[in-house]
Amino acid sequence: MFCFMEQPRFSGALRLNYHHLHYFRAVAHEGNLTRAAQHLNVAPSALSTQIRQLEVQLGQPLFSRQGKTLALTEAGRIALTYADTISDAGNELVATLREGRRQERQVLRVGAVATLSRNFQRGFLAPLIGKPDVELVLHSGSLRELLANLETHTLDLVLSNRRVQEDAGTAWRCRRIARQQVSLVGPPRHGTPFRYPDDLAMVPLLLPSRDTDIRTAFDLICEQQGLRVNVAAEVDDMAMLRLLARDSNAVALVPAVVVIDELRSGILEEYAAVPHLYEEFHAISVRRQYQHPLVPPLLEQAAAAALSAWR
């Protein structure tokens, strides 16, 4: 319905019609023109005209029809973010003058795969944590779920230990943030050195699950070197792997960042860094005309800065 565009003919600076913006916000949240018109107590045709005028003024289509519902375009999602911000600012204006309080915040929505180290997430997001003008909304899930949310603009950034490739259907931007060698860690050996790889067969091992890159590479190393190992547990969550490493006498295969607090306190010690075995940490975004203003500064961090919180 709202896909036909005409170029606006305005002289001088454009002035946003906030009445149009109010109507747009109602339709965007309702997802249906008729219901939004009922709530606003206006005729659907009048509401449609108001939205079309806003589209002409902004120079972008804000909706596309999908069946019986109206879906936001990328420009529409950006406009809704601003419309919500303007609405919140109006509420804050009233609160400021009536109650003497003021609050301005930017919201950044970040997804992280469930197998990703919580310590890495904390280190990467450290520049924003605790800032009074920033609200972080963190989601955890599978990479497929998070990428779907990223594509529909319900997430601004995804953190992953797996790289994704661009294809014809999507325009992922995958940037490697850091790379850390994977180690064998376990309870203190009190001066008895661990001999890698000779002692591998003599200790119970806690390993990441078989669908992780670390486990695939480790199994290949064992196969190439003819090593037989005693697997005590396979874990698909790094937080659980950390707990098992801390509370058992088994040896865990993890990047040091996963157990950095335990290594610092002496609860665990690093037995050996596994040669040629690394975990990579990636930040994934989508090529967009309008990028979240907090994302580029985060992506510009050097690997050393991203890792500094763990060292």
Protein backbone atom coordinates (compact mmCIF):
# COMPACT_ATOMS: atom_id res chain seq x y z
CA MET A 1 0.00 0.00 0.00
CA PHE A 2 2.73 2.44 0.90
CA CYS A 3 5.24 1.65 -1.81
CA PHE A 4 4.43 4.35 -4.38
CA MET A 5 6.82 7.22 -3.89
CA GLU A 6 6.98 10.71 -5.31
CA GLN A 7 9.91 13.02 -4.86
CA PRO A 8 9.03 15.77 -2.38
CA ARG A 9 9.05 19.35 -3.58
CA PHE A 10 10.14 21.46 -0.63
CA SER A 11 12.20 24.60 -0.50
CA GLY A 12 14.57 25.19 2.35
CA ALA A 13 15.00 22.87 5.33
CA LEU A 14 12.54 20.02 5.77
CA ARG A 15 10.40 20.18 8.87
CA LEU A 16 9.13 16.92 10.26
CA ASN A 17 5.40 16.70 10.86
CA TYR A 18 5.15 15.10 14.30
CA HIS A 19 1.44 14.49 13.82
CA HIS A 20 2.34 12.23 10.88
CA LEU A 21 5.01 10.57 13.01
CA HIS A 22 2.47 9.86 15.76
CA TYR A 23 0.17 8.16 13.26
CA PHE A 24 3.05 6.20 11.73
CA ARG A 25 4.09 4.93 15.17
CA ALA A 26 0.57 3.70 15.88
CA VAL A 27 0.37 1.77 12.59
CA ALA A 28 3.89 0.36 13.05
CA HIS A 29 3.13 -1.02 16.50
CA GLU A 30 -0.30 -2.30 15.49
CA GLY A 31 0.81 -3.82 12.18
CA ASN A 32 -2.64 -3.14 10.78
CA LEU A 33 -4.03 0.08 9.34
CA THR A 34 -7.67 -0.54 10.26
CA ARG A 35 -6.98 -1.37 13.91
CA ALA A 36 -4.64 1.59 14.25
CA ALA A 37 -7.33 3.88 12.76
CA GLN A 38 -9.86 2.56 15.27
CA HIS A 39 -7.52 3.24 18.19
CA LEU A 40 -6.76 6.71 16.88
CA ASN A 41 -10.44 7.36 16.11
CA VAL A 42 -9.73 8.42 12.52
CA ALA A 43 -10.82 7.07 9.14
CA PRO A 44 -8.45 4.47 7.59
CA SER A 45 -8.27 6.55 4.40
CA ALA A 46 -7.19 9.62 6.38
CA LEU A 47 -4.59 7.59 8.24
CA SER A 48 -3.28 6.15 4.96
CA THR A 49 -2.92 9.68 3.59
CA GLN A 50 -0.97 10.79 6.66
CA ILE A 51 1.46 7.86 6.33
CA ARG A 52 1.92 8.49 2.61
CA GLN A 53 2.72 12.13 3.27
CA LEU A 54 5.34 11.11 5.83
CA GLU A 55 6.90 8.70 3.32
CA VAL A 56 7.09 11.45 0.74
CA GLN A 57 8.69 13.81 3.24
CA LEU A 58 11.26 11.22 4.31
CA GLY A 59 11.87 10.04 0.77
CA GLN A 60 11.60 6.38 1.78
CA PRO A 61 8.82 3.74 1.82
CA LEU A 62 8.11 2.82 5.44
CA PHE A 63 5.85 -0.20 4.97
CA SER A 64 5.45 -3.17 2.65
CA ARG A 65 2.33 -5.30 2.62
CA GLN A 66 2.72 -8.96 3.61
CA GLY A 67 -0.65 -10.65 3.35
CA LYS A 68 -3.05 -8.81 5.65
CA THR A 69 -0.36 -7.15 7.69
CA LEU A 70 1.94 -4.21 7.11
CA ALA A 71 5.65 -4.98 7.59
CA LEU A 72 8.21 -2.31 8.24
CA THR A 73 10.91 -1.74 5.66
CA GLU A 74 14.46 -1.08 6.83
CA ALA A 75 13.76 2.65 6.66
CA GLY A 76 10.53 1.99 8.56
CA ARG A 77 12.39 0.22 11.35
CA ILE A 78 14.82 3.12 11.61
CA ALA A 79 11.92 5.59 11.60
CA LEU A 80 10.14 3.63 14.32
CA THR A 81 13.26 3.73 16.50
CA TYR A 82 13.31 7.51 16.18
CA ALA A 83 9.54 7.77 16.64
CA ASP A 84 9.76 5.76 19.86
CA THR A 85 12.68 7.92 21.00
CA ILE A 86 10.72 11.10 20.28
CA SER A 87 7.73 9.73 22.17
CA ASP A 88 9.94 8.78 25.10
CA ALA A 89 11.56 12.21 24.97
CA GLY A 90 8.12 13.81 25.23
CA ASN A 91 7.37 11.72 28.29
CA GLU A 92 10.75 12.67 29.74
CA LEU A 93 10.01 16.34 29.09
CA VAL A 94 6.88 16.07 31.21
CA ALA A 95 8.77 14.12 33.88
CA THR A 96 11.64 16.61 33.85
CA LEU A 97 9.43 19.66 34.33
CA ARG A 98 7.09 17.99 36.80
CA GLU A 99 9.50 15.82 38.76
CA GLY A 100 12.92 17.28 37.99
CA ARG A 101 14.36 14.06 36.50
CA ARG A 102 15.94 13.44 33.11
CA GLN A 103 17.24 10.33 31.37
CA GLU A 104 18.61 9.83 27.87
CA ARG A 105 19.73 6.37 26.84
CA GLN A 106 20.70 4.47 23.71
CA VAL A 107 19.67 0.82 23.49
CA LEU A 108 22.03 -1.72 21.91
CA ARG A 109 20.69 -5.24 21.34
CA VAL A 110 23.42 -7.88 21.18
CA GLY A 111 23.03 -11.60 20.58
CA ALA A 112 25.63 -14.19 21.54
CA VAL A 113 25.76 -17.87 20.64
CA ALA A 114 25.16 -20.12 23.63
CA THR A 115 28.60 -21.73 23.34
CA LEU A 116 30.45 -18.40 23.50
CA SER A 117 32.50 -17.56 26.59
CA ARG A 118 30.68 -15.22 28.96
CA ASN A 119 34.04 -13.72 29.88
CA PHE A 120 34.67 -12.82 26.25
CA GLN A 121 31.27 -11.17 26.02
CA ARG A 122 32.01 -9.18 29.15
CA GLY A 123 35.40 -8.11 27.82
CA PHE A 124 34.09 -7.08 24.42
CA LEU A 125 31.18 -5.09 25.84
CA ALA A 126 33.21 -3.59 28.70
CA PRO A 127 33.42 -0.10 27.10
CA LEU A 128 29.61 0.17 27.27
CA ILE A 129 28.89 -1.60 30.55
CA GLY A 130 27.92 0.84 33.26
CA LYS A 131 27.58 3.86 30.97
CA PRO A 132 24.56 5.84 32.18
CA ASP A 133 23.44 6.70 28.64
CA VAL A 134 23.58 3.14 27.28
CA GLU A 135 21.24 0.21 27.87
CA LEU A 136 22.49 -3.21 26.78
CA VAL A 137 19.94 -5.89 25.89
CA LEU A 138 21.66 -9.28 25.64
CA HIS A 139 20.20 -12.40 24.02
CA SER A 140 21.56 -15.95 23.87
CA GLY A 141 20.69 -18.62 21.32
CA SER A 142 21.83 -20.67 18.37
CA LEU A 143 23.70 -18.95 15.57
CA ARG A 144 20.82 -19.62 13.18
CA GLU A 145 18.28 -18.01 15.52
CA LEU A 146 20.46 -14.99 16.17
CA LEU A 147 21.22 -14.41 12.49
CA ALA A 148 17.49 -14.49 11.74
CA ASN A 149 16.94 -11.81 14.38
CA LEU A 150 19.85 -9.81 13.02
CA GLU A 151 18.39 -9.94 9.52
CA THR A 152 15.02 -8.65 10.76
CA HIS A 153 16.74 -5.85 12.70
CA THR A 154 15.64 -7.06 16.14
CA LEU A 155 19.35 -7.42 16.97
CA ASP A 156 22.08 -4.90 16.20
CA LEU A 157 25.05 -7.25 16.54
CA VAL A 158 25.80 -10.95 17.01
CA LEU A 159 28.87 -12.37 18.76
CA SER A 160 29.98 -15.81 17.63
CA ASN A 161 32.87 -18.25 17.74
CA ARG A 162 32.01 -19.28 14.19
CA ARG A 163 32.53 -17.26 11.05
CA VAL A 164 29.68 -16.73 8.62
CA GLN A 165 30.05 -16.06 4.91
CA GLU A 166 28.14 -13.59 2.80
CA ASP A 167 25.79 -15.08 0.23
CA ALA A 168 23.39 -13.83 -2.40
CA GLY A 169 20.47 -13.70 0.03
CA THR A 170 22.12 -11.90 2.93
CA ALA A 171 24.84 -9.36 3.40
CA TRP A 172 26.57 -10.41 6.59
CA ARG A 173 29.55 -8.41 7.76
CA CYS A 174 31.70 -10.76 9.82
CA ARG A 175 34.70 -9.29 11.58
CA ARG A 176 37.20 -11.30 13.61
CA ILE A 177 37.71 -9.57 16.94
CA ALA A 178 40.19 -11.87 18.62
CA ARG A 179 41.91 -15.24 18.40
CA GLN A 180 43.10 -17.24 21.39
CA GLN A 181 44.96 -20.50 21.68
CA VAL A 182 43.05 -23.35 23.29
CA SER A 183 44.56 -24.93 26.40
CA LEU A 184 44.25 -27.92 28.68
CA VAL A 185 43.44 -26.77 32.20
CA GLY A 186 42.79 -28.62 35.42
CA PRO A 187 43.36 -28.67 39.17
CA PRO A 188 46.84 -27.70 40.44
CA ARG A 189 49.42 -30.48 39.99
CA HIS A 190 51.69 -29.10 42.73
CA GLY A 191 54.90 -29.14 40.79
CA THR A 192 54.27 -32.26 38.71
CA PRO A 193 54.45 -31.08 35.09
CA PHE A 194 51.88 -32.21 32.57
CA ARG A 195 53.51 -33.81 29.54
CA TYR A 196 51.62 -33.03 26.37
CA PRO A 197 50.61 -35.12 24.50
CA ASP A 198 51.88 -38.14 26.46
CA ASP A 199 49.64 -37.62 29.51
CA LEU A 200 46.43 -37.06 27.54
CA ALA A 201 45.46 -40.73 27.70
CA MET A 202 45.95 -40.77 31.49
CA VAL A 203 43.46 -38.07 32.50
CA PRO A 204 39.65 -37.72 32.18
CA LEU A 205 38.84 -34.99 29.66
CA LEU A 206 36.07 -32.44 29.54
CA LEU A 207 35.54 -31.55 25.88
CA PRO A 208 33.32 -29.16 23.95
CA SER A 209 30.55 -30.86 21.98
CA ARG A 210 31.23 -32.33 18.55
CA ASP A 211 29.44 -29.51 16.72
CA THR A 212 32.06 -26.94 17.77
CA ASP A 213 35.10 -25.96 15.73
CA ILE A 214 37.38 -26.56 18.74
CA ARG A 215 36.23 -30.15 19.11
CA THR A 216 36.47 -30.87 15.39
CA ALA A 217 40.04 -29.58 15.30
CA PHE A 218 41.01 -31.44 18.49
CA ASP A 219 39.63 -34.74 17.21
CA LEU A 220 41.63 -34.26 14.03
CA ILE A 221 44.81 -33.63 16.04
CA CYS A 222 44.21 -36.81 18.05
CA GLU A 223 43.58 -38.81 14.88
CA GLN A 224 46.69 -37.49 13.16
CA GLN A 225 48.88 -38.22 16.20
CA GLY A 226 47.29 -41.56 17.00
CA LEU A 227 46.12 -40.37 20.45
CA ARG A 228 43.43 -42.18 22.42
CA VAL A 229 41.73 -40.08 25.07
CA ASN A 230 39.36 -40.71 27.96
CA VAL A 231 36.32 -38.46 27.48
CA ALA A 232 34.59 -37.83 30.82
CA ALA A 233 32.01 -35.39 29.43
CA GLU A 234 31.03 -33.50 26.30
CA VAL A 235 29.53 -30.07 26.99
CA ASP A 236 27.94 -27.65 24.52
CA ASP A 237 27.95 -24.68 26.90
CA MET A 238 31.19 -22.98 27.94
CA ALA A 239 29.71 -21.79 31.22
CA MET A 240 28.92 -25.38 32.18
CA LEU A 241 32.33 -26.53 30.98
CA ARG A 242 33.87 -23.93 33.27
CA LEU A 243 31.85 -25.19 36.27
CA LEU A 244 32.81 -28.82 35.60
CA ALA A 245 36.47 -27.88 35.25
CA ARG A 246 36.34 -26.00 38.54
CA ASP A 247 34.43 -28.61 40.54
CA SER A 248 35.96 -31.87 39.27
CA ASN A 249 39.39 -33.40 38.90
CA ALA A 250 39.03 -33.66 35.13
CA VAL A 251 41.05 -31.74 32.56
CA ALA A 252 39.16 -29.30 30.34
CA LEU A 253 39.88 -28.27 26.78
CA VAL A 254 39.07 -24.55 26.72
CA PRO A 255 40.39 -21.15 25.70
CA ALA A 256 41.93 -19.55 28.77
CA VAL A 257 39.34 -16.75 28.71
CA VAL A 258 36.65 -19.23 29.75
CA VAL A 259 38.35 -19.95 33.09
CA ILE A 260 40.40 -16.78 33.54
CA ASP A 261 39.06 -16.09 37.05
CA GLU A 262 39.91 -19.63 38.18
CA LEU A 263 43.40 -19.41 36.68
CA ARG A 264 44.04 -16.10 38.44
CA SER A 265 42.84 -17.43 41.79
CA GLY A 266 44.80 -20.70 41.53
CA ILE A 267 41.75 -22.95 41.54
CA LEU A 268 42.85 -24.17 38.11
CA GLU A 269 46.13 -24.08 36.27
CA GLU A 270 47.06 -24.24 32.60
CA TYR A 271 48.69 -27.57 31.80
CA ALA A 272 49.54 -26.93 28.16
CA ALA A 273 48.55 -24.80 25.19
CA VAL A 274 47.49 -27.16 22.42
CA PRO A 275 49.63 -26.41 19.35
CA HIS A 276 47.78 -25.12 16.30
CA LEU A 277 44.41 -25.10 18.08
CA TYR A 278 42.66 -21.75 18.38
CA GLU A 279 39.23 -20.31 18.97
CA GLU A 280 38.23 -17.24 17.01
CA PHE A 281 35.75 -14.64 18.18
CA HIS A 282 33.65 -12.81 15.58
CA ALA A 283 31.24 -9.89 15.56
CA ILE A 284 28.54 -10.18 12.90
CA SER A 285 26.42 -7.33 11.60
CA VAL A 286 24.42 -6.72 8.43
CA ARG A 287 25.20 -4.25 5.69
CA ARG A 288 22.65 -1.51 6.23
CA GLN A 289 22.05 1.97 5.05
CA TYR A 290 21.57 3.02 8.66
CA GLN A 291 23.99 1.49 11.16
CA HIS A 292 23.49 1.65 14.92
CA PRO A 293 25.82 4.42 16.15
CA LEU A 294 27.24 2.28 18.97
CA VAL A 295 28.30 -0.59 16.70
CA PRO A 296 31.20 0.96 14.72
CA PRO A 297 33.17 2.04 17.83
CA LEU A 298 32.88 -1.47 19.25
CA LEU A 299 34.04 -3.04 16.00
CA GLU A 300 37.00 -0.66 15.82
CA GLN A 301 38.44 -2.06 19.03
CA ALA A 302 41.78 -3.78 18.54
CA ALA A 303 41.98 -7.42 19.58
CA ALA A 304 44.22 -6.43 22.48
CA ALA A 305 41.57 -4.06 23.80
CA ALA A 306 38.85 -6.68 23.48
CA LEU A 307 40.95 -9.21 25.35
CA SER A 308 42.35 -6.86 28.00
CA ALA A 309 39.57 -7.57 30.47
CA TRP A 310 40.60 -11.23 30.71
CA ARG A 311 44.35 -10.82 31.13
